[in-house]
Protein backbone atom coordinates (compact mmCIF):
# COMPACT_ATOMS: atom_id res chain seq x y z
CA MET A 1 28.88 45.83 -52.00
CA SER A 2 27.68 45.13 -48.50
CA GLN A 3 24.63 46.64 -46.84
CA GLN A 4 26.73 48.60 -44.40
CA ALA A 5 28.42 51.75 -45.57
CA HIS A 6 32.03 52.48 -44.96
CA PRO A 7 32.85 54.76 -42.04
CA GLY A 8 32.71 58.39 -42.86
CA THR A 9 30.36 58.09 -45.85
CA GLY A 10 27.30 59.07 -43.82
CA SER A 11 24.95 56.74 -45.62
CA ALA A 12 24.68 54.15 -42.83
CA GLN A 13 21.75 54.28 -40.47
CA PRO A 14 22.61 54.73 -36.81
CA GLN A 15 22.62 51.45 -34.95
CA SER A 16 20.97 51.14 -31.59
CA ASN A 17 22.95 49.81 -28.63
CA ALA A 18 19.81 48.37 -27.01
CA ARG A 19 19.48 44.63 -27.23
CA SER A 20 16.24 42.87 -27.91
CA TYR A 21 14.70 40.58 -25.27
CA SER A 22 15.46 37.43 -27.24
CA SER A 23 19.18 38.15 -27.54
CA GLU A 24 19.61 39.35 -23.95
CA ARG A 25 18.22 36.36 -22.10
CA PRO A 26 16.96 33.03 -23.37
CA ARG A 27 13.28 32.39 -23.24
CA PRO A 28 12.23 29.84 -20.67
CA SER A 29 11.73 26.42 -22.17
CA GLU A 30 8.14 25.49 -22.51
CA ARG A 31 7.26 22.56 -20.32
CA SER A 32 4.95 19.94 -21.72
CA SER A 33 1.86 19.12 -19.73
CA TRP A 34 2.76 15.42 -20.06
CA VAL A 35 5.65 15.85 -17.60
CA GLY A 36 3.07 15.41 -14.84
CA TRP A 37 2.80 11.73 -15.77
CA ILE A 38 6.48 11.23 -15.05
CA TRP A 39 6.12 13.01 -11.72
CA PHE A 40 3.13 10.76 -11.02
CA ALA A 41 5.19 7.68 -11.92
CA GLY A 42 7.99 8.75 -9.59
CA ALA A 43 5.59 9.42 -6.72
CA MET A 44 3.78 6.12 -7.28
CA MET A 45 7.05 4.21 -7.33
CA ILE A 46 8.06 5.78 -4.03
CA LEU A 47 4.71 4.83 -2.50
CA LEU A 48 4.75 1.34 -4.01
CA GLY A 49 8.27 0.83 -2.71
CA LEU A 50 7.21 1.82 0.79
CA PHE A 51 4.13 -0.39 0.65
CA ASN A 52 6.15 -3.34 -0.65
CA ALA A 53 8.70 -2.91 2.11
CA ILE A 54 5.89 -2.86 4.68
CA GLU A 55 4.36 -5.93 3.06
CA GLY A 56 7.72 -7.67 3.30
CA LEU A 57 8.22 -6.68 6.93
CA VAL A 58 4.75 -7.97 7.81
CA ALA A 59 5.52 -11.29 6.12
CA LEU A 60 8.79 -11.51 8.05
CA PHE A 61 7.69 -10.50 11.53
CA TYR A 62 3.96 -11.17 11.64
CA ASN A 63 3.57 -14.21 9.41
CA THR A 64 0.10 -15.10 10.71
CA PHE A 65 -1.25 -11.95 9.00
CA TYR A 66 -1.43 -13.70 5.64
CA VAL A 67 -3.95 -16.51 5.74
CA VAL A 68 -2.51 -18.90 3.23
CA GLY A 69 -1.09 -22.35 3.52
CA PRO A 70 2.47 -23.03 2.41
CA GLU A 71 1.19 -25.17 -0.45
CA ARG A 72 -0.60 -22.15 -1.99
CA LEU A 73 2.52 -19.99 -2.26
CA LEU A 74 4.61 -20.50 -5.36
CA VAL A 75 8.32 -21.27 -5.17
CA PHE A 76 9.16 -19.79 -1.72
CA SER A 77 7.92 -19.83 1.84
CA LEU A 78 6.22 -16.82 3.39
CA THR A 79 9.49 -15.73 5.02
CA ALA A 80 11.33 -15.84 1.70
CA TRP A 81 8.55 -13.82 0.07
CA GLY A 82 8.91 -11.32 2.89
CA TRP A 83 12.58 -10.84 1.99
CA VAL A 84 11.74 -10.62 -1.71
CA HIS A 85 9.12 -7.92 -1.09
CA LEU A 86 11.42 -6.01 1.24
CA ILE A 87 14.32 -5.98 -1.23
CA ILE A 88 12.13 -5.11 -4.21
CA GLY A 89 10.38 -2.43 -2.15
CA VAL A 90 13.67 -0.74 -1.29
CA LEU A 91 14.84 -0.91 -4.92
CA VAL A 92 11.52 0.47 -6.23
CA PHE A 93 11.71 3.31 -3.70
CA ILE A 94 15.23 4.22 -4.83
CA ALA A 95 14.21 4.01 -8.51
CA GLY A 96 11.25 6.29 -7.82
CA CYS A 97 13.56 8.86 -6.26
CA ALA A 98 16.00 8.54 -9.17
CA LEU A 99 13.17 9.07 -11.64
CA PHE A 100 12.93 12.68 -10.49
CA THR A 101 16.45 13.33 -11.81
CA GLY A 102 15.25 12.88 -15.39
CA ALA A 103 18.09 10.53 -16.26
CA VAL A 104 17.54 7.94 -18.98
CA TRP A 105 19.05 5.18 -16.82
CA ALA A 106 16.54 5.99 -14.07
CA ARG A 107 13.65 5.55 -16.51
CA ALA A 108 15.02 2.21 -17.74
CA VAL A 109 15.60 0.93 -14.21
CA ALA A 110 12.16 2.14 -13.13
CA VAL A 111 10.45 0.26 -15.96
CA VAL A 112 12.35 -2.95 -15.20
CA LEU A 113 11.63 -2.73 -11.46
CA ALA A 114 7.95 -1.91 -12.00
CA ALA A 115 7.64 -4.97 -14.25
CA LEU A 116 9.49 -7.11 -11.69
CA ASN A 117 7.21 -5.77 -8.94
CA ALA A 118 4.11 -6.63 -10.98
CA LEU A 119 5.43 -10.15 -11.59
CA THR A 120 6.21 -10.57 -7.89
CA GLN A 121 2.72 -9.44 -6.95
CA LEU A 122 1.24 -11.84 -9.49
CA VAL A 123 3.08 -14.77 -7.92
CA PHE A 124 2.14 -13.60 -4.40
CA LEU A 125 -1.51 -13.11 -5.42
CA SER A 126 -2.82 -16.03 -3.38
CA ALA A 127 -1.63 -14.38 -0.14
CA SER A 128 -3.10 -10.92 -0.79
CA PRO A 129 -5.36 -10.93 -3.85
CA VAL A 130 -6.96 -7.47 -3.65
CA TRP A 131 -3.77 -5.63 -2.83
CA GLY A 132 -1.90 -7.60 -5.48
CA VAL A 133 -4.33 -6.59 -8.21
CA ILE A 134 -4.14 -2.93 -7.14
CA VAL A 135 -0.34 -2.97 -7.18
CA ILE A 136 -0.24 -4.71 -10.57
CA ALA A 137 -2.59 -2.06 -12.03
CA LEU A 138 -0.46 0.75 -10.59
CA ASP A 139 2.72 -0.87 -11.91
CA VAL A 140 1.23 -1.08 -15.40
CA LEU A 141 0.20 2.59 -15.18
CA VAL A 142 3.71 3.56 -14.06
CA ILE A 143 5.28 1.60 -16.93
CA TRP A 144 2.92 3.28 -19.40
CA ALA A 145 3.69 6.75 -18.05
CA ILE A 146 7.44 6.23 -18.24
CA VAL A 147 7.51 4.55 -21.65
CA VAL A 148 5.06 6.89 -23.38
CA HIS A 149 5.99 10.19 -21.74
CA GLY A 150 9.56 9.60 -20.62
CA ASN A 151 11.09 11.87 -23.26
CA GLU A 152 9.12 14.83 -21.94
CA LEU A 153 11.34 14.99 -18.91
CA ASN A 154 14.77 16.57 -19.19
CA ARG A 155 17.27 17.57 -16.54
CA GLU A 156 16.87 21.23 -17.51
CA GLU A 157 13.15 21.12 -16.80
CA ILE A 158 13.65 19.86 -13.26
CA SER A 159 16.35 22.27 -12.13
CA TYR A 160 15.02 25.07 -10.01
C-alpha cells in the first residue's frame, strides 16, 4: 500500500502548504571565475580592432608615418596594407562585440579573426615591429582565453 493514507482514515500526517525555497524559485546559477577571461578577450578584441583600424587609416592617409621602403613590405604596398588593416580592424571590433553575446559562432569567428590579425601583423612587422609583436602577443592571449575558457560563457550568464 502507498505511504499516504486514504481520506478519512486519519492516519495521514497533515501536509504543509508552504513551499521550500528550492521549489519556489530556482537558485541562481553559479558563475565560474573563468568567465572573466572571455570578457577580457572581448574587450581586447574591441581595442585591437580599434587600434588596427587606426593603423590602417594612418597607412592610408599619412603614409610617411611608417619608415619602410616598398621593397621591405611583403606582397602589398603600404596603401594596400592600410586597407587590409582597416578591414580586419572593423571585423575584429565586430567580433569582439559579438563575443559578449556568448554565442558559439561568435567564439569561432573571434578565434579565426584573432589568428588572421596575428598573421597580418607578422607580415607587416617590418613597418611597425614593436607594435606588431605586442598585437601578436595579445592575439595569442585572446585565442587562448576563447579556446580554453569559451565553454564557461553561456547566454544565461550574460543576461541581466
